[in-house]
């Protein structure tokens, strides 16, 4: 049976400042704007016959999933395997600080974005392996259409897989806060119907 997967990114997070930081698996909450983006996703999915909502176990993904599932009364399942890429020792540190203090490592990651592993963290290839395995398990356990609330990195590696693209192309796919992607899954494989819709 075909399954329609609504692959979503959580709403905007609450930050202490405007500096670009490596967020990864830091457990940050939604901002007020992020809550509103989750409500917009809920309204967009109003007519979708969802049977379940899956999400990362990080607060920003869980809260977005709870808002989406709220009126539908469908179960929300939080999975650690759907967490954002782990950025290890760089978690929470501004990009500019890493570029200044670790210029060689910063350049090496930029040159090999798919496979460079930050100390204590994951590469996008590592992240892809766990996310694709979780996606397959979710599909095997699902009956009917579902929503998955992921993260920018998580969604990108999954979309690379769906499109047959190398993980090195991960940043060719935009994933804005509160966006929606639609994947049709069936006997003939996967078909991407919508990308980064707001």
Protein backbone atom coordinates (compact mmCIF):
# COMPACT_ATOMS: atom_id res chain seq x y z
CA UNK A 1 0.00 0.00 0.00
CA UNK A 2 1.24 3.51 -0.81
CA UNK A 3 2.12 5.80 2.07
CA UNK A 4 2.35 9.56 1.88
CA UNK A 5 5.02 10.96 4.18
CA UNK A 6 4.83 14.60 5.20
CA UNK A 7 8.46 15.34 6.10
CA UNK A 8 8.56 18.55 8.13
CA UNK A 9 11.18 20.72 9.75
CA UNK A 10 10.47 21.98 13.25
CA UNK A 11 9.67 25.65 13.80
CA UNK A 12 12.21 28.35 14.53
CA UNK A 13 14.23 27.89 17.72
CA UNK A 14 14.78 30.32 20.57
CA UNK A 15 18.33 31.70 20.52
CA UNK A 16 20.25 33.84 22.99
CA UNK A 17 21.72 35.99 20.20
CA UNK A 18 21.84 36.33 16.39
CA UNK A 19 25.24 34.65 15.91
CA UNK A 20 25.30 31.62 13.62
CA UNK A 21 26.17 28.68 15.84
CA UNK A 22 26.60 24.96 15.50
CA UNK A 23 23.32 23.79 17.05
CA UNK A 24 23.25 20.07 16.26
CA UNK A 25 21.81 18.16 19.21
CA UNK A 26 21.60 21.07 21.66
CA UNK A 27 18.10 20.81 23.12
CA UNK A 28 16.67 24.24 22.38
CA UNK A 29 12.95 25.16 22.58
CA UNK A 30 10.80 26.75 19.90
CA UNK A 31 10.57 30.52 19.82
CA UNK A 32 7.19 32.26 19.66
CA UNK A 33 7.61 32.44 15.89
CA UNK A 34 8.45 28.72 15.87
CA UNK A 35 5.21 27.93 17.71
CA UNK A 36 3.29 29.90 15.08
CA UNK A 37 5.09 28.04 12.29
CA UNK A 38 4.08 24.73 13.90
CA UNK A 39 0.47 25.96 14.03
CA UNK A 40 0.67 26.83 10.32
CA UNK A 41 1.89 23.29 9.58
CA UNK A 42 -1.01 21.93 11.66
CA UNK A 43 -3.44 23.99 9.58
CA UNK A 44 -1.80 22.93 6.29
CA UNK A 45 -2.22 19.29 7.36
CA UNK A 46 -5.81 19.83 8.44
CA UNK A 47 -7.27 17.62 5.69
CA UNK A 48 -4.44 15.06 5.68
CA UNK A 49 -5.53 11.68 6.99
CA UNK A 50 -2.56 11.20 9.28
CA UNK A 51 -2.40 7.97 11.26
CA UNK A 52 0.75 8.86 13.23
CA UNK A 53 3.33 11.57 13.80
CA UNK A 54 7.00 10.72 14.37
CA UNK A 55 9.63 13.15 15.58
CA UNK A 56 13.09 13.55 17.02
CA UNK A 57 13.30 13.41 20.81
CA UNK A 58 14.72 16.96 20.93
CA UNK A 59 12.33 19.57 22.38
CA UNK A 60 11.98 21.67 19.21
CA UNK A 61 10.92 18.68 17.14
CA UNK A 62 8.70 17.17 19.87
CA UNK A 63 6.84 20.43 20.46
CA UNK A 64 6.24 20.92 16.72
CA UNK A 65 4.91 17.35 16.49
CA UNK A 66 2.62 17.83 19.52
CA UNK A 67 1.10 20.97 17.98
CA UNK A 68 0.52 19.18 14.64
CA UNK A 69 -0.98 16.07 16.26
CA UNK A 70 -3.02 17.97 18.86
CA UNK A 71 -6.33 18.40 17.07
CA UNK A 72 -6.05 15.13 15.17
CA UNK A 73 -5.66 12.98 18.26
CA UNK A 74 -3.01 10.83 16.54
CA UNK A 75 -0.10 9.37 18.50
CA UNK A 76 3.30 11.09 18.58
CA UNK A 77 6.36 8.83 18.71
CA UNK A 78 9.70 10.46 19.58
CA UNK A 79 12.81 8.65 18.32
CA UNK A 80 16.44 9.36 19.19
CA UNK A 81 17.40 8.09 15.72
CA UNK A 82 15.72 11.18 14.21
CA UNK A 83 17.91 13.62 16.16
CA UNK A 84 19.81 16.29 14.28
CA UNK A 85 23.40 15.55 13.28
CA UNK A 86 25.72 15.51 16.29
CA UNK A 87 28.29 18.29 16.02
CA UNK A 88 30.33 17.00 18.93
CA UNK A 89 32.91 19.43 20.31
CA UNK A 90 31.53 22.28 18.15
CA UNK A 91 28.01 22.22 19.61
CA UNK A 92 26.89 25.69 20.68
CA UNK A 93 30.00 27.47 19.37
CA UNK A 94 29.66 30.32 16.84
CA UNK A 95 30.85 29.57 13.30
CA UNK A 96 33.20 32.57 13.47
CA UNK A 97 34.93 31.20 16.59
CA UNK A 98 35.56 27.81 15.00
CA UNK A 99 36.86 29.45 11.82
CA UNK A 100 39.22 31.62 13.91
CA UNK A 101 40.47 29.03 16.42
CA UNK A 102 40.38 25.88 14.25
CA UNK A 103 40.90 27.17 10.69
CA UNK A 104 42.30 23.90 9.30
CA UNK A 105 39.42 21.81 10.68
CA UNK A 106 36.86 24.41 9.57
CA UNK A 107 38.25 24.33 6.01
CA UNK A 108 38.52 20.53 6.00
CA UNK A 109 34.84 20.18 6.90
CA UNK A 110 33.85 22.65 4.18
CA UNK A 111 35.91 20.71 1.63
CA UNK A 112 34.39 17.34 2.61
CA UNK A 113 30.95 18.19 4.02
CA UNK A 114 29.57 14.70 3.47
CA UNK A 115 32.24 12.73 5.30
CA UNK A 116 34.15 15.05 7.65
CA UNK A 117 33.51 14.06 11.26
CA UNK A 118 33.82 16.79 13.89
CA UNK A 119 35.61 15.47 17.02
CA UNK A 120 33.01 13.78 19.22
CA UNK A 121 30.35 14.13 16.53
CA UNK A 122 29.05 12.66 13.29
CA UNK A 123 29.60 13.20 9.60
CA UNK A 124 26.55 13.71 7.39
CA UNK A 125 27.23 10.18 6.08
CA UNK A 126 27.00 8.83 9.67
CA UNK A 127 23.78 10.80 10.23
CA UNK A 128 22.38 9.50 6.94
CA UNK A 129 22.89 5.85 7.92
CA UNK A 130 20.89 6.17 11.15
CA UNK A 131 18.17 8.38 9.64
CA UNK A 132 17.57 6.11 6.62
CA UNK A 133 17.41 3.05 8.90
CA UNK A 134 14.86 4.84 11.12
CA UNK A 135 12.84 5.93 8.06
CA UNK A 136 12.63 2.34 6.82
CA UNK A 137 11.53 1.13 10.25
CA UNK A 138 8.87 3.85 10.44
CA UNK A 139 7.50 2.89 7.00
CA UNK A 140 7.45 -0.81 7.93
CA UNK A 141 5.48 -0.03 11.10
CA UNK A 142 3.03 2.42 9.51
CA UNK A 143 -0.41 1.92 8.07
CA UNK A 144 -1.61 5.04 6.28
CA UNK A 145 -0.18 8.50 5.82
CA UNK A 146 2.24 9.88 8.40
CA UNK A 147 4.16 12.99 9.37
CA UNK A 148 7.80 13.03 10.40
CA UNK A 149 9.10 16.15 12.15
CA UNK A 150 12.83 16.26 11.60
CA UNK A 151 15.62 18.80 11.47
CA UNK A 152 17.40 20.58 8.61
CA UNK A 153 20.26 18.07 8.47
CA UNK A 154 18.05 15.04 9.05
CA UNK A 155 15.62 16.06 6.32
CA UNK A 156 18.40 16.90 3.89
CA UNK A 157 20.14 13.52 4.22
CA UNK A 158 16.81 11.76 3.81
CA UNK A 159 15.96 13.80 0.72
CA UNK A 160 19.41 13.08 -0.73
CA UNK A 161 18.60 9.37 -0.28
CA UNK A 162 15.15 9.73 -1.88
CA UNK A 163 16.66 11.56 -4.87
CA UNK A 164 19.67 9.25 -5.21
CA UNK A 165 22.02 12.18 -4.59
CA UNK A 166 25.40 11.84 -2.87
CA UNK A 167 25.37 13.06 0.72
CA UNK A 168 28.11 15.53 -0.32
CA UNK A 169 25.27 17.51 -1.99
CA UNK A 170 23.37 17.88 1.30
CA UNK A 171 23.40 21.70 1.22
CA UNK A 172 21.90 21.86 -2.27
CA UNK A 173 18.53 21.22 -0.60
CA UNK A 174 16.94 24.08 1.34
CA UNK A 175 15.03 23.27 4.54
CA UNK A 176 13.59 26.39 6.13
CA UNK A 177 12.06 26.46 9.61
CA UNK A 178 8.50 25.13 9.50
CA UNK A 179 8.77 23.74 5.95
CA UNK A 180 6.98 20.76 4.42
CA UNK A 181 8.20 18.10 1.99
CA UNK A 182 5.96 15.34 0.63
CA UNK A 183 7.28 11.89 -0.25
CA UNK A 184 5.07 9.28 -1.92
CA UNK A 185 6.25 5.78 -0.94
CA UNK A 186 5.04 2.70 -2.78
CA UNK A 187 5.96 -0.54 -4.49
CA UNK A 188 7.79 1.33 -7.24
CA UNK A 189 9.94 3.24 -4.77
CA UNK A 190 9.91 6.87 -3.69
CA UNK A 191 8.63 9.95 -5.47
CA UNK A 192 9.27 13.44 -4.15
CA UNK A 193 6.13 15.53 -4.61
CA UNK A 194 7.03 18.75 -2.76
CA UNK A 195 10.20 20.31 -1.31
CA UNK A 196 10.68 23.06 1.30
CA UNK A 197 7.09 24.36 1.05
CA UNK A 198 6.19 27.18 3.42
